[in-house]
PDB file of all heavy atoms in Angstrom:
ATOM      1  N   PRO A   1      -3.802 -17.518   1.288  1.00  0.00           N
ATOM      2  CA  PRO A   1      -4.280 -17.415   2.646  1.00  0.00           C
ATOM      3  C   PRO A   1      -3.154 -17.438   3.682  1.00  0.00           C
ATOM      4  O   PRO A   1      -3.184 -16.707   4.698  1.00  0.00           O
ATOM      5  CB  PRO A   1      -5.204 -18.646   2.789  1.00  0.00           C
ATOM      6  CG  PRO A   1      -5.697 -18.880   1.510  1.00  0.00           C
ATOM      7  CD  PRO A   1      -4.544 -18.619   0.545  1.00  0.00           C
ATOM      8  N   LYS A   2      -2.150 -18.252   3.453  1.00  0.00           N
ATOM      9  CA  LYS A   2      -0.989 -18.334   4.380  1.00  0.00           C
ATOM     10  C   LYS A   2      -0.112 -17.166   4.321  1.00  0.00           C
ATOM     11  O   LYS A   2       0.298 -16.594   5.305  1.00  0.00           O
ATOM     12  CB  LYS A   2      -0.234 -19.609   4.037  1.00  0.00           C
ATOM     13  CG  LYS A   2       1.143 -19.813   4.694  1.00  0.00           C
ATOM     14  CD  LYS A   2       1.116 -19.945   6.177  1.00  0.00           C
ATOM     15  CE  LYS A   2       2.460 -20.127   6.762  1.00  0.00           C
ATOM     16  NZ  LYS A   2       2.447 -20.256   8.209  1.00  0.00           N
ATOM     17  N   LEU A   3       0.245 -16.738   3.086  1.00  0.00           N
ATOM     18  CA  LEU A   3       1.210 -15.637   2.917  1.00  0.00           C
ATOM     19  C   LEU A   3       0.624 -14.246   3.155  1.00  0.00           C
ATOM     20  O   LEU A   3       1.380 -13.341   3.309  1.00  0.00           O
ATOM     21  CB  LEU A   3       1.802 -15.752   1.461  1.00  0.00           C
ATOM     22  CG  LEU A   3       2.643 -17.025   1.143  1.00  0.00           C
ATOM     23  CD1 LEU A   3       3.094 -17.014  -0.326  1.00  0.00           C
ATOM     24  CD2 LEU A   3       3.821 -17.148   2.100  1.00  0.00           C
ATOM     25  N   ALA A   4      -0.665 -14.248   3.149  1.00  0.00           N
ATOM     26  CA  ALA A   4      -1.250 -12.891   3.374  1.00  0.00           C
ATOM     27  C   ALA A   4      -0.890 -12.286   4.696  1.00  0.00           C
ATOM     28  O   ALA A   4      -0.701 -11.072   4.894  1.00  0.00           O
ATOM     29  CB  ALA A   4      -2.772 -12.993   3.296  1.00  0.00           C
ATOM     30  N   SER A   5      -0.629 -13.152   5.722  1.00  0.00           N
ATOM     31  CA  SER A   5      -0.218 -12.696   6.997  1.00  0.00           C
ATOM     32  C   SER A   5       1.305 -12.455   7.094  1.00  0.00           C
ATOM     33  O   SER A   5       1.749 -11.884   8.080  1.00  0.00           O
ATOM     34  CB  SER A   5      -0.633 -13.725   8.073  1.00  0.00           C
ATOM     35  OG  SER A   5       0.017 -14.980   7.828  1.00  0.00           O
ATOM     36  N   VAL A   6       1.960 -12.878   6.068  1.00  0.00           N
ATOM     37  CA  VAL A   6       3.459 -12.717   6.081  1.00  0.00           C
ATOM     38  C   VAL A   6       3.820 -11.434   5.273  1.00  0.00           C
ATOM     39  O   VAL A   6       4.783 -10.691   5.679  1.00  0.00           O
ATOM     40  CB  VAL A   6       4.144 -13.899   5.421  1.00  0.00           C
ATOM     41  CG1 VAL A   6       5.644 -13.724   5.279  1.00  0.00           C
ATOM     42  CG2 VAL A   6       3.809 -15.239   6.193  1.00  0.00           C
ATOM     43  N   PHE A   7       3.087 -11.069   4.274  1.00  0.00           N
ATOM     44  CA  PHE A   7       3.438  -9.889   3.381  1.00  0.00           C
ATOM     45  C   PHE A   7       3.058  -8.627   4.281  1.00  0.00           C
ATOM     46  O   PHE A   7       2.137  -8.609   5.020  1.00  0.00           O
ATOM     47  CB  PHE A   7       2.556  -9.947   2.153  1.00  0.00           C
ATOM     48  CG  PHE A   7       2.857 -11.088   1.232  1.00  0.00           C
ATOM     49  CD1 PHE A   7       1.895 -11.515   0.367  1.00  0.00           C
ATOM     50  CD2 PHE A   7       4.127 -11.610   1.189  1.00  0.00           C
ATOM     51  CE1 PHE A   7       2.163 -12.591  -0.487  1.00  0.00           C
ATOM     52  CE2 PHE A   7       4.430 -12.643   0.329  1.00  0.00           C
ATOM     53  CZ  PHE A   7       3.487 -13.160  -0.448  1.00  0.00           C
ATOM     54  N   ILE A   8       3.865  -7.590   3.935  1.00  0.00           N
ATOM     55  CA  ILE A   8       3.589  -6.274   4.577  1.00  0.00           C
ATOM     56  C   ILE A   8       2.316  -5.692   3.858  1.00  0.00           C
ATOM     57  O   ILE A   8       2.040  -6.014   2.763  1.00  0.00           O
ATOM     58  CB  ILE A   8       4.809  -5.344   4.442  1.00  0.00           C
ATOM     59  CG1 ILE A   8       5.085  -4.957   3.004  1.00  0.00           C
ATOM     60  CG2 ILE A   8       6.020  -5.985   5.172  1.00  0.00           C
ATOM     61  CD1 ILE A   8       6.084  -3.867   2.930  1.00  0.00           C
ATOM     62  N   ARG A   9       1.778  -4.705   4.484  1.00  0.00           N
ATOM     63  CA  ARG A   9       0.595  -4.008   3.968  1.00  0.00           C
ATOM     64  C   ARG A   9       0.865  -3.359   2.639  1.00  0.00           C
ATOM     65  O   ARG A   9       0.033  -3.311   1.697  1.00  0.00           O
ATOM     66  CB  ARG A   9       0.008  -3.029   4.968  1.00  0.00           C
ATOM     67  CG  ARG A   9      -1.190  -2.282   4.433  1.00  0.00           C
ATOM     68  CD  ARG A   9      -1.738  -1.243   5.492  1.00  0.00           C
ATOM     69  NE  ARG A   9      -2.973  -0.605   5.008  1.00  0.00           N
ATOM     70  CZ  ARG A   9      -2.974   0.426   4.282  1.00  0.00           C
ATOM     71  NH1 ARG A   9      -1.762   1.016   3.932  1.00  0.00           N
ATOM     72  NH2 ARG A   9      -4.088   1.062   3.928  1.00  0.00           N
ATOM     73  N   ASN A  10       2.047  -2.735   2.460  1.00  0.00           N
ATOM     74  CA  ASN A  10       2.322  -1.981   1.281  1.00  0.00           C
ATOM     75  C   ASN A  10       3.006  -2.793   0.243  1.00  0.00           C
ATOM     76  O   ASN A  10       3.752  -2.325  -0.601  1.00  0.00           O
ATOM     77  CB  ASN A  10       3.308  -0.827   1.705  1.00  0.00           C
ATOM     78  CG  ASN A  10       2.515   0.293   2.352  1.00  0.00           C
ATOM     79  OD1 ASN A  10       1.317   0.112   2.735  1.00  0.00           O
ATOM     80  ND2 ASN A  10       3.110   1.415   2.558  1.00  0.00           N
ATOM     81  N   ASN A  11       2.775  -4.092   0.184  1.00  0.00           N
ATOM     82  CA  ASN A  11       3.014  -4.919  -0.935  1.00  0.00           C
ATOM     83  C   ASN A  11       1.810  -5.035  -1.733  1.00  0.00           C
ATOM     84  O   ASN A  11       0.795  -5.701  -1.381  1.00  0.00           O
ATOM     85  CB  ASN A  11       3.517  -6.355  -0.406  1.00  0.00           C
ATOM     86  CG  ASN A  11       3.807  -7.310  -1.506  1.00  0.00           C
ATOM     87  OD1 ASN A  11       3.606  -7.073  -2.669  1.00  0.00           O
ATOM     88  ND2 ASN A  11       4.413  -8.428  -1.109  1.00  0.00           N
ATOM     89  N   PHE A  12       1.737  -4.381  -2.872  1.00  0.00           N
ATOM     90  CA  PHE A  12       0.468  -4.080  -3.543  1.00  0.00           C
ATOM     91  C   PHE A  12      -0.072  -5.067  -4.483  1.00  0.00           C
ATOM     92  O   PHE A  12      -1.290  -5.122  -4.807  1.00  0.00           O
ATOM     93  CB  PHE A  12       0.547  -2.713  -4.296  1.00  0.00           C
ATOM     94  CG  PHE A  12       1.077  -1.566  -3.481  1.00  0.00           C
ATOM     95  CD1 PHE A  12       2.129  -0.764  -3.911  1.00  0.00           C
ATOM     96  CD2 PHE A  12       0.588  -1.216  -2.204  1.00  0.00           C
ATOM     97  CE1 PHE A  12       2.581   0.319  -3.196  1.00  0.00           C
ATOM     98  CE2 PHE A  12       0.982  -0.226  -1.406  1.00  0.00           C
ATOM     99  CZ  PHE A  12       2.051   0.539  -1.965  1.00  0.00           C
ATOM    100  N   ALA A  13       0.833  -5.941  -5.037  1.00  0.00           N
ATOM    101  CA  ALA A  13       0.350  -6.771  -6.188  1.00  0.00           C
ATOM    102  C   ALA A  13      -0.155  -8.074  -5.813  1.00  0.00           C
ATOM    103  O   ALA A  13       0.107  -8.708  -4.756  1.00  0.00           O
ATOM    104  CB  ALA A  13       1.603  -6.962  -7.123  1.00  0.00           C
ATOM    105  N   GLY A  14      -1.113  -8.621  -6.726  1.00  0.00           N
ATOM    106  CA  GLY A  14      -1.504 -10.041  -6.620  1.00  0.00           C
ATOM    107  C   GLY A  14      -2.249 -10.462  -5.410  1.00  0.00           C
ATOM    108  O   GLY A  14      -2.291 -11.660  -5.133  1.00  0.00           O
ATOM    109  N   GLN A  15      -2.926  -9.588  -4.617  1.00  0.00           N
ATOM    110  CA  GLN A  15      -3.668 -10.021  -3.520  1.00  0.00           C
ATOM    111  C   GLN A  15      -5.025  -9.312  -3.485  1.00  0.00           C
ATOM    112  O   GLN A  15      -5.252  -8.237  -4.018  1.00  0.00           O
ATOM    113  CB  GLN A  15      -2.926  -9.506  -2.242  1.00  0.00           C
ATOM    114  CG  GLN A  15      -1.533 -10.085  -2.128  1.00  0.00           C
ATOM    115  CD  GLN A  15      -0.692  -9.314  -0.960  1.00  0.00           C
ATOM    116  OE1 GLN A  15      -0.938  -9.576   0.139  1.00  0.00           O
ATOM    117  NE2 GLN A  15       0.224  -8.549  -1.406  1.00  0.00           N
ATOM    118  N   ILE A  16      -5.966 -10.116  -2.880  1.00  0.00           N
ATOM    119  CA  ILE A  16      -7.314  -9.619  -2.833  1.00  0.00           C
ATOM    120  C   ILE A  16      -7.429  -8.399  -2.038  1.00  0.00           C
ATOM    121  O   ILE A  16      -6.843  -8.244  -0.926  1.00  0.00           O
ATOM    122  CB  ILE A  16      -8.282 -10.669  -2.226  1.00  0.00           C
ATOM    123  CG1 ILE A  16      -8.307 -11.979  -3.074  1.00  0.00           C
ATOM    124  CG2 ILE A  16      -9.679 -10.167  -2.012  1.00  0.00           C
ATOM    125  CD1 ILE A  16      -9.050 -13.142  -2.478  1.00  0.00           C
ATOM    126  N   GLY A  17      -8.118  -7.332  -2.637  1.00  0.00           N
ATOM    127  CA  GLY A  17      -8.301  -6.015  -1.954  1.00  0.00           C
ATOM    128  C   GLY A  17      -7.114  -5.106  -2.223  1.00  0.00           C
ATOM    129  O   GLY A  17      -7.150  -3.957  -1.697  1.00  0.00           O
ATOM    130  N   LYS A  18      -6.104  -5.541  -2.945  1.00  0.00           N
ATOM    131  CA  LYS A  18      -5.007  -4.684  -3.352  1.00  0.00           C
ATOM    132  C   LYS A  18      -5.000  -4.506  -4.888  1.00  0.00           C
ATOM    133  O   LYS A  18      -5.911  -4.825  -5.594  1.00  0.00           O
ATOM    134  CB  LYS A  18      -3.708  -5.157  -2.791  1.00  0.00           C
ATOM    135  CG  LYS A  18      -3.754  -5.218  -1.232  1.00  0.00           C
ATOM    136  CD  LYS A  18      -2.345  -5.664  -0.626  1.00  0.00           C
ATOM    137  CE  LYS A  18      -2.326  -5.660   0.846  1.00  0.00           C
ATOM    138  NZ  LYS A  18      -1.034  -5.965   1.419  1.00  0.00           N
ATOM    139  N   GLY A  19      -3.850  -3.994  -5.373  1.00  0.00           N
ATOM    140  CA  GLY A  19      -3.745  -3.808  -6.790  1.00  0.00           C
ATOM    141  C   GLY A  19      -3.162  -2.475  -7.094  1.00  0.00           C
ATOM    142  O   GLY A  19      -2.743  -1.643  -6.222  1.00  0.00           O
ATOM    143  N   THR A  20      -3.311  -2.012  -8.379  1.00  0.00           N
ATOM    144  CA  THR A  20      -2.722  -0.739  -8.828  1.00  0.00           C
ATOM    145  C   THR A  20      -3.403   0.462  -8.170  1.00  0.00           C
ATOM    146  O   THR A  20      -2.734   1.451  -7.726  1.00  0.00           O
ATOM    147  CB  THR A  20      -2.867  -0.580 -10.333  1.00  0.00           C
ATOM    148  OG1 THR A  20      -4.192  -0.821 -10.726  1.00  0.00           O
ATOM    149  CG2 THR A  20      -1.954  -1.598 -11.039  1.00  0.00           C
ATOM    150  N   LEU A  21      -4.784   0.460  -8.000  1.00  0.00           N
ATOM    151  CA  LEU A  21      -5.526   1.471  -7.345  1.00  0.00           C
ATOM    152  C   LEU A  21      -5.155   1.660  -5.892  1.00  0.00           C
ATOM    153  O   LEU A  21      -4.819   2.736  -5.376  1.00  0.00           O
ATOM    154  CB  LEU A  21      -7.033   1.233  -7.409  1.00  0.00           C
ATOM    155  CG  LEU A  21      -7.858   2.253  -6.735  1.00  0.00           C
ATOM    156  CD1 LEU A  21      -7.523   3.695  -7.205  1.00  0.00           C
ATOM    157  CD2 LEU A  21      -9.387   1.959  -6.858  1.00  0.00           C
ATOM    158  N   PHE A  22      -4.972   0.495  -5.216  1.00  0.00           N
ATOM    159  CA  PHE A  22      -4.544   0.546  -3.751  1.00  0.00           C
ATOM    160  C   PHE A  22      -3.163   1.072  -3.604  1.00  0.00           C
ATOM    161  O   PHE A  22      -2.856   1.899  -2.790  1.00  0.00           O
ATOM    162  CB  PHE A  22      -4.654  -0.870  -3.208  1.00  0.00           C
ATOM    163  CG  PHE A  22      -4.173  -0.922  -1.790  1.00  0.00           C
ATOM    164  CD1 PHE A  22      -4.996  -0.546  -0.719  1.00  0.00           C
ATOM    165  CD2 PHE A  22      -2.895  -1.402  -1.465  1.00  0.00           C
ATOM    166  CE1 PHE A  22      -4.554  -0.665   0.578  1.00  0.00           C
ATOM    167  CE2 PHE A  22      -2.461  -1.509  -0.120  1.00  0.00           C
ATOM    168  CZ  PHE A  22      -3.321  -1.121   0.850  1.00  0.00           C
ATOM    169  N   GLY A  23      -2.247   0.688  -4.619  1.00  0.00           N
ATOM    170  CA  GLY A  23      -0.869   1.146  -4.569  1.00  0.00           C
ATOM    171  C   GLY A  23      -0.847   2.627  -4.826  1.00  0.00           C
ATOM    172  O   GLY A  23      -0.065   3.413  -4.221  1.00  0.00           O
ATOM    173  N   LEU A  24      -1.634   3.071  -5.784  1.00  0.00           N
ATOM    174  CA  LEU A  24      -1.637   4.540  -6.130  1.00  0.00           C
ATOM    175  C   LEU A  24      -2.169   5.438  -4.999  1.00  0.00           C
ATOM    176  O   LEU A  24      -1.596   6.377  -4.733  1.00  0.00           O
ATOM    177  CB  LEU A  24      -2.452   4.748  -7.392  1.00  0.00           C
ATOM    178  CG  LEU A  24      -2.302   6.091  -8.097  1.00  0.00           C
ATOM    179  CD1 LEU A  24      -0.891   6.224  -8.600  1.00  0.00           C
ATOM    180  CD2 LEU A  24      -3.305   6.169  -9.250  1.00  0.00           C
ATOM    181  N   GLU A  25      -3.176   4.928  -4.296  1.00  0.00           N
ATOM    182  CA  GLU A  25      -3.760   5.640  -3.276  1.00  0.00           C
ATOM    183  C   GLU A  25      -2.753   5.680  -2.068  1.00  0.00           C
ATOM    184  O   GLU A  25      -2.622   6.676  -1.359  1.00  0.00           O
ATOM    185  CB  GLU A  25      -5.091   5.154  -2.811  1.00  0.00           C
ATOM    186  CG  GLU A  25      -6.142   5.258  -3.854  1.00  0.00           C
ATOM    187  CD  GLU A  25      -6.472   6.751  -4.177  1.00  0.00           C
ATOM    188  OE1 GLU A  25      -6.410   7.539  -3.230  1.00  0.00           O
ATOM    189  OE2 GLU A  25      -6.743   7.068  -5.340  1.00  0.00           O
ATOM    190  N   THR A  26      -2.064   4.580  -1.817  1.00  0.00           N
ATOM    191  CA  THR A  26      -1.085   4.538  -0.743  1.00  0.00           C
ATOM    192  C   THR A  26       0.099   5.501  -1.009  1.00  0.00           C
ATOM    193  O   THR A  26       0.554   6.198  -0.099  1.00  0.00           O
ATOM    194  CB  THR A  26      -0.599   3.074  -0.573  1.00  0.00           C
ATOM    195  OG1 THR A  26      -1.650   2.235  -0.323  1.00  0.00           O
ATOM    196  CG2 THR A  26       0.394   3.015   0.558  1.00  0.00           C
ATOM    197  N   LEU A  27       0.536   5.513  -2.266  1.00  0.00           N
ATOM    198  CA  LEU A  27       1.615   6.465  -2.676  1.00  0.00           C
ATOM    199  C   LEU A  27       1.195   7.919  -2.430  1.00  0.00           C
ATOM    200  O   LEU A  27       1.878   8.719  -1.850  1.00  0.00           O
ATOM    201  CB  LEU A  27       1.952   6.251  -4.129  1.00  0.00           C
ATOM    202  CG  LEU A  27       2.954   7.313  -4.688  1.00  0.00           C
ATOM    203  CD1 LEU A  27       4.256   7.268  -4.004  1.00  0.00           C
ATOM    204  CD2 LEU A  27       3.136   7.048  -6.172  1.00  0.00           C
ATOM    205  N   LYS A  28      -0.055   8.230  -2.798  1.00  0.00           N
ATOM    206  CA  LYS A  28      -0.586   9.619  -2.664  1.00  0.00           C
ATOM    207  C   LYS A  28      -0.527   9.967  -1.095  1.00  0.00           C
ATOM    208  O   LYS A  28      -0.168  11.113  -0.680  1.00  0.00           O
ATOM    209  CB  LYS A  28      -2.056   9.705  -3.139  1.00  0.00           C
ATOM    210  CG  LYS A  28      -2.116   9.717  -4.709  1.00  0.00           C
ATOM    211  CD  LYS A  28      -3.545   9.826  -4.999  1.00  0.00           C
ATOM    212  CE  LYS A  28      -3.816   9.663  -6.544  1.00  0.00           C
ATOM    213  NZ  LYS A  28      -5.267   9.723  -6.851  1.00  0.00           N
ATOM    214  N   LYS A  29      -1.016   9.089  -0.282  1.00  0.00           N
ATOM    215  CA  LYS A  29      -1.013   9.258   1.162  1.00  0.00           C
ATOM    216  C   LYS A  29       0.367   9.456   1.737  1.00  0.00           C
ATOM    217  O   LYS A  29       0.648  10.317   2.528  1.00  0.00           O
ATOM    218  CB  LYS A  29      -1.766   8.121   1.867  1.00  0.00           C
ATOM    219  CG  LYS A  29      -1.973   8.292   3.347  1.00  0.00           C
ATOM    220  CD  LYS A  29      -2.678   7.178   4.017  1.00  0.00           C
ATOM    221  CE  LYS A  29      -2.946   7.493   5.478  1.00  0.00           C
ATOM    222  NZ  LYS A  29      -1.723   7.736   6.230  1.00  0.00           N
ATOM    223  N   ASP A  30       1.226   8.579   1.232  1.00  0.00           N
ATOM    224  CA  ASP A  30       2.653   8.640   1.789  1.00  0.00           C
ATOM    225  C   ASP A  30       3.278   9.982   1.389  1.00  0.00           C
ATOM    226  O   ASP A  30       3.967  10.686   2.188  1.00  0.00           O
ATOM    227  CB  ASP A  30       3.480   7.513   1.148  1.00  0.00           C
ATOM    228  CG  ASP A  30       3.173   6.171   1.864  1.00  0.00           C
ATOM    229  OD1 ASP A  30       2.552   6.182   2.888  1.00  0.00           O
ATOM    230  OD2 ASP A  30       3.621   5.070   1.378  1.00  0.00           O
ATOM    231  N   MET A  31       3.053  10.378   0.151  1.00  0.00           N
ATOM    232  CA  MET A  31       3.640  11.725  -0.294  1.00  0.00           C
ATOM    233  C   MET A  31       3.040  12.848   0.467  1.00  0.00           C
ATOM    234  O   MET A  31       3.825  13.780   0.895  1.00  0.00           O
ATOM    235  CB  MET A  31       3.455  11.846  -1.819  1.00  0.00           C
ATOM    236  CG  MET A  31       4.191  10.840  -2.655  1.00  0.00           C
ATOM    237  SD  MET A  31       4.094  11.163  -4.417  1.00  0.00           S
ATOM    238  CE  MET A  31       5.082  12.698  -4.578  1.00  0.00           C
ATOM    239  N   PHE A  32       1.754  12.840   0.657  1.00  0.00           N
ATOM    240  CA  PHE A  32       1.088  13.963   1.421  1.00  0.00           C
ATOM    241  C   PHE A  32       1.519  13.950   2.841  1.00  0.00           C
ATOM    242  O   PHE A  32       1.810  15.023   3.404  1.00  0.00           O
ATOM    243  CB  PHE A  32      -0.413  13.841   1.307  1.00  0.00           C
ATOM    244  CG  PHE A  32      -1.139  14.967   1.962  1.00  0.00           C
ATOM    245  CD1 PHE A  32      -1.286  16.170   1.261  1.00  0.00           C
ATOM    246  CD2 PHE A  32      -1.648  14.823   3.232  1.00  0.00           C
ATOM    247  CE1 PHE A  32      -1.926  17.243   1.924  1.00  0.00           C
ATOM    248  CE2 PHE A  32      -2.355  15.889   3.740  1.00  0.00           C
ATOM    249  CZ  PHE A  32      -2.470  17.079   3.059  1.00  0.00           C
ATOM    250  N   ASP A  33       1.585  12.785   3.532  1.00  0.00           N
ATOM    251  CA  ASP A  33       2.038  12.674   4.884  1.00  0.00           C
ATOM    252  C   ASP A  33       3.479  13.226   5.146  1.00  0.00           C
ATOM    253  O   ASP A  33       3.767  13.940   5.986  1.00  0.00           O
ATOM    254  CB  ASP A  33       1.915  11.319   5.407  1.00  0.00           C
ATOM    255  CG  ASP A  33       0.443  10.919   5.657  1.00  0.00           C
ATOM    256  OD1 ASP A  33      -0.442  11.728   5.537  1.00  0.00           O
ATOM    257  OD2 ASP A  33       0.190   9.649   5.795  1.00  0.00           O
ATOM    258  N   ALA A  34       4.373  12.782   4.153  1.00  0.00           N
ATOM    259  CA  ALA A  34       5.789  13.237   4.213  1.00  0.00           C
ATOM    260  C   ALA A  34       5.892  14.735   3.970  1.00  0.00           C
ATOM    261  O   ALA A  34       6.627  15.393   4.582  1.00  0.00           O
ATOM    262  CB  ALA A  34       6.590  12.421   3.173  1.00  0.00           C
ATOM    263  N   TYR A  35       5.093  15.220   3.002  1.00  0.00           N
ATOM    264  CA  TYR A  35       5.147  16.683   2.770  1.00  0.00           C
ATOM    265  C   TYR A  35       4.538  17.482   3.943  1.00  0.00           C
ATOM    266  O   TYR A  35       5.130  18.544   4.246  1.00  0.00           O
ATOM    267  CB  TYR A  35       4.277  16.895   1.496  1.00  0.00           C
ATOM    268  CG  TYR A  35       3.945  18.376   1.294  1.00  0.00           C
ATOM    269  CD1 TYR A  35       4.867  19.238   0.733  1.00  0.00           C
ATOM    270  CD2 TYR A  35       2.648  18.873   1.583  1.00  0.00           C
ATOM    271  CE1 TYR A  35       4.581  20.595   0.585  1.00  0.00           C
ATOM    272  CE2 TYR A  35       2.361  20.241   1.391  1.00  0.00           C
ATOM    273  CZ  TYR A  35       3.301  21.034   0.873  1.00  0.00           C
ATOM    274  OH  TYR A  35       3.038  22.444   0.640  1.00  0.00           O
ATOM    275  N   THR A  36       3.554  16.987   4.614  1.00  0.00           N
ATOM    276  CA  THR A  36       2.911  17.718   5.734  1.00  0.00           C
ATOM    277  C   THR A  36       3.944  17.837   6.849  1.00  0.00           C
ATOM    278  O   THR A  36       4.072  18.860   7.563  1.00  0.00           O
ATOM    279  CB  THR A  36       1.762  16.939   6.253  1.00  0.00           C
ATOM    280  OG1 THR A  36       0.789  16.811   5.156  1.00  0.00           O
ATOM    281  CG2 THR A  36       1.044  17.641   7.436  1.00  0.00           C
ATOM    282  N   ILE A  37       4.789  16.821   7.085  1.00  0.00           N
ATOM    283  CA  ILE A  37       5.819  16.854   8.166  1.00  0.00           C
ATOM    284  C   ILE A  37       7.090  17.590   7.813  1.00  0.00           C
ATOM    285  O   ILE A  37       7.634  18.354   8.542  1.00  0.00           O
ATOM    286  CB  ILE A  37       6.142  15.404   8.612  1.00  0.00           C
ATOM    287  CG1 ILE A  37       4.808  14.655   9.106  1.00  0.00           C
ATOM    288  CG2 ILE A  37       7.195  15.367   9.698  1.00  0.00           C
ATOM    289  CD1 ILE A  37       5.031  13.197   9.417  1.00  0.00           C
ATOM    290  N   HIS A  38       7.610  17.270   6.580  1.00  0.00           N
ATOM    291  CA  HIS A  38       8.869  17.824   6.272  1.00  0.00           C
ATOM    292  C   HIS A  38       8.891  18.838   5.081  1.00  0.00           C
ATOM    293  O   HIS A  38      10.031  19.339   4.780  1.00  0.00           O
ATOM    294  CB  HIS A  38       9.739  16.638   5.756  1.00  0.00           C
ATOM    295  CG  HIS A  38       9.933  15.469   6.802  1.00  0.00           C
ATOM    296  ND1 HIS A  38      10.636  15.629   7.899  1.00  0.00           N
ATOM    297  CD2 HIS A  38       9.343  14.221   6.765  1.00  0.00           C
ATOM    298  CE1 HIS A  38      10.554  14.499   8.635  1.00  0.00           C
ATOM    299  NE2 HIS A  38       9.784  13.680   7.983  1.00  0.00           N
TER     300      HIS A  38
END
């Protein structure tokens, strides 16, 4: 509860609501957004 407010959003492991699926979906979005711009 304390560290949840300290960690950045894209720290994927060991937290409620995150995990491998969240990390994978974030990576897909990052790659698509970067590709769209550059």
